[in-house]
Amino acid sequence: MADKKNTTKPFMLRVDAATMSAIEAWAADEFRSTNGQLQWIITEALRRAKRLPVPKG
């Protein structure tokens, strides 16, 4: 059985061209993929809002 805590769930995201260009440039500056940068941005926003799930155990 797959380990659920390490799985990702794909989804579609619509972003305007200017925003996407900014994300791609930011990702390149930080040596990340665009997808990796988006994951980091979302995780950081959740952490700052104290909305990240607390790991069990």
N, C-alpha and C. Protein backbone atom coordinates (compact mmCIF):
# COMPACT_ATOMS: atom_id res chain seq x y z
N MET A 1 0.85 -1.19 0.00
CA MET A 1 0.00 0.00 0.00
C MET A 1 0.89 1.24 0.00
N ALA A 2 0.49 2.26 -0.72
CA ALA A 2 1.28 3.49 -0.83
C ALA A 2 1.23 4.28 0.48
N ASP A 3 2.34 4.93 0.77
CA ASP A 3 2.45 5.78 1.96
C ASP A 3 1.72 7.09 1.68
N LYS A 4 0.59 7.33 2.33
CA LYS A 4 -0.26 8.49 2.04
C LYS A 4 0.39 9.82 2.40
N LYS A 5 1.29 9.86 3.37
CA LYS A 5 1.86 11.14 3.78
C LYS A 5 2.84 11.70 2.75
N ASN A 6 3.32 10.88 1.83
CA ASN A 6 4.26 11.34 0.82
C ASN A 6 3.69 11.36 -0.58
N THR A 7 2.38 11.39 -0.71
CA THR A 7 1.78 11.40 -2.04
C THR A 7 1.42 12.83 -2.43
N THR A 8 1.39 13.07 -3.72
CA THR A 8 0.97 14.37 -4.21
C THR A 8 -0.31 14.18 -5.00
N LYS A 9 -1.07 15.23 -5.11
CA LYS A 9 -2.33 15.20 -5.82
C LYS A 9 -2.28 16.26 -6.92
N PRO A 10 -2.34 15.83 -8.17
CA PRO A 10 -2.28 16.80 -9.26
C PRO A 10 -3.58 17.61 -9.35
N PHE A 11 -3.45 18.86 -9.78
CA PHE A 11 -4.63 19.68 -10.03
C PHE A 11 -4.28 20.76 -11.04
N MET A 12 -5.31 21.28 -11.69
CA MET A 12 -5.11 22.34 -12.69
C MET A 12 -5.13 23.69 -11.98
N LEU A 13 -4.30 24.59 -12.47
CA LEU A 13 -4.25 25.95 -11.92
C LEU A 13 -4.18 26.92 -13.07
N ARG A 14 -5.07 27.86 -13.10
CA ARG A 14 -5.06 28.89 -14.14
C ARG A 14 -4.43 30.15 -13.56
N VAL A 15 -3.39 30.61 -14.24
CA VAL A 15 -2.65 31.79 -13.80
C VAL A 15 -2.44 32.69 -15.01
N ASP A 16 -2.62 33.98 -14.83
CA ASP A 16 -2.41 34.89 -15.96
C ASP A 16 -0.93 34.89 -16.35
N ALA A 17 -0.67 35.31 -17.58
CA ALA A 17 0.67 35.22 -18.17
C ALA A 17 1.71 36.01 -17.36
N ALA A 18 1.35 37.19 -16.90
CA ALA A 18 2.31 38.01 -16.15
C ALA A 18 2.69 37.34 -14.83
N THR A 19 1.71 36.78 -14.14
CA THR A 19 1.98 36.09 -12.88
C THR A 19 2.84 34.86 -13.12
N MET A 20 2.53 34.12 -14.17
CA MET A 20 3.31 32.92 -14.48
C MET A 20 4.75 33.27 -14.81
N SER A 21 4.95 34.33 -15.56
CA SER A 21 6.31 34.78 -15.88
C SER A 21 7.08 35.13 -14.61
N ALA A 22 6.41 35.80 -13.68
CA ALA A 22 7.05 36.17 -12.42
C ALA A 22 7.41 34.92 -11.61
N ILE A 23 6.52 33.94 -11.57
CA ILE A 23 6.79 32.69 -10.84
C ILE A 23 7.95 31.94 -11.48
N GLU A 24 7.97 31.87 -12.80
CA GLU A 24 9.05 31.18 -13.50
C GLU A 24 10.40 31.85 -13.25
N ALA A 25 10.42 33.17 -13.26
CA ALA A 25 11.66 33.91 -13.00
C ALA A 25 12.13 33.69 -11.56
N TRP A 26 11.19 33.72 -10.62
CA TRP A 26 11.51 33.50 -9.21
C TRP A 26 12.06 32.08 -9.03
N ALA A 27 11.43 31.10 -9.66
CA ALA A 27 11.88 29.72 -9.58
C ALA A 27 13.31 29.59 -10.11
N ALA A 28 13.57 30.21 -11.24
CA ALA A 28 14.92 30.15 -11.82
C ALA A 28 15.95 30.79 -10.88
N ASP A 29 15.59 31.90 -10.25
CA ASP A 29 16.49 32.57 -9.31
C ASP A 29 16.84 31.67 -8.12
N GLU A 30 15.90 30.81 -7.74
CA GLU A 30 16.10 29.94 -6.57
C GLU A 30 16.47 28.51 -6.96
N PHE A 31 16.77 28.30 -8.25
CA PHE A 31 17.16 26.98 -8.77
C PHE A 31 16.12 25.91 -8.47
N ARG A 32 14.85 26.28 -8.65
CA ARG A 32 13.74 25.34 -8.47
C ARG A 32 12.99 25.23 -9.79
N SER A 33 12.23 24.16 -9.92
CA SER A 33 11.30 24.06 -11.03
C SER A 33 10.12 24.99 -10.74
N THR A 34 9.36 25.29 -11.76
CA THR A 34 8.16 26.11 -11.55
C THR A 34 7.21 25.41 -10.60
N ASN A 35 7.02 24.11 -10.79
CA ASN A 35 6.15 23.34 -9.90
C ASN A 35 6.68 23.38 -8.47
N GLY A 36 7.97 23.20 -8.29
CA GLY A 36 8.57 23.25 -6.97
C GLY A 36 8.38 24.61 -6.31
N GLN A 37 8.49 25.67 -7.11
CA GLN A 37 8.31 27.02 -6.58
C GLN A 37 6.86 27.22 -6.13
N LEU A 38 5.92 26.76 -6.92
CA LEU A 38 4.50 26.88 -6.55
C LEU A 38 4.22 26.09 -5.27
N GLN A 39 4.79 24.90 -5.15
CA GLN A 39 4.61 24.12 -3.92
C GLN A 39 5.19 24.86 -2.72
N TRP A 40 6.36 25.47 -2.89
CA TRP A 40 6.99 26.21 -1.81
C TRP A 40 6.13 27.43 -1.42
N ILE A 41 5.64 28.17 -2.41
CA ILE A 41 4.80 29.35 -2.14
C ILE A 41 3.56 28.95 -1.35
N ILE A 42 2.90 27.88 -1.77
CA ILE A 42 1.68 27.43 -1.09
C ILE A 42 1.99 26.97 0.33
N THR A 43 3.06 26.19 0.50
CA THR A 43 3.44 25.71 1.82
C THR A 43 3.77 26.86 2.75
N GLU A 44 4.52 27.84 2.24
CA GLU A 44 4.87 29.02 3.05
C GLU A 44 3.63 29.80 3.47
N ALA A 45 2.70 29.98 2.55
CA ALA A 45 1.46 30.70 2.87
C ALA A 45 0.67 29.96 3.95
N LEU A 46 0.58 28.65 3.83
CA LEU A 46 -0.12 27.85 4.85
C LEU A 46 0.59 27.90 6.19
N ARG A 47 1.92 27.84 6.17
CA ARG A 47 2.69 27.90 7.42
C ARG A 47 2.48 29.24 8.12
N ARG A 48 2.57 30.33 7.36
CA ARG A 48 2.41 31.67 7.94
C ARG A 48 1.01 31.89 8.49
N ALA A 49 0.02 31.27 7.86
CA ALA A 49 -1.36 31.40 8.32
C ALA A 49 -1.70 30.39 9.41
N LYS A 50 -0.68 29.60 9.80
CA LYS A 50 -0.86 28.54 10.81
C LYS A 50 -1.99 27.58 10.41
N ARG A 51 -1.98 27.19 9.13
CA ARG A 51 -2.99 26.29 8.62
C ARG A 51 -2.40 24.99 8.08
N LEU A 52 -1.11 24.78 8.29
CA LEU A 52 -0.51 23.51 7.88
C LEU A 52 -0.95 22.43 8.85
N PRO A 53 -1.30 21.26 8.33
CA PRO A 53 -1.67 20.17 9.24
C PRO A 53 -0.48 19.78 10.13
N VAL A 54 -0.78 19.46 11.38
CA VAL A 54 0.26 19.05 12.32
C VAL A 54 0.52 17.57 12.09
N PRO A 55 1.80 17.21 11.88
CA PRO A 55 2.12 15.78 11.68
C PRO A 55 1.75 14.95 12.91
N LYS A 56 1.17 13.77 12.68
CA LYS A 56 0.81 12.89 13.77
C LYS A 56 2.02 12.05 14.18
N GLY A 57 2.12 11.79 15.47
CA GLY A 57 3.18 10.91 15.96
C GLY A 57 4.22 11.58 16.66
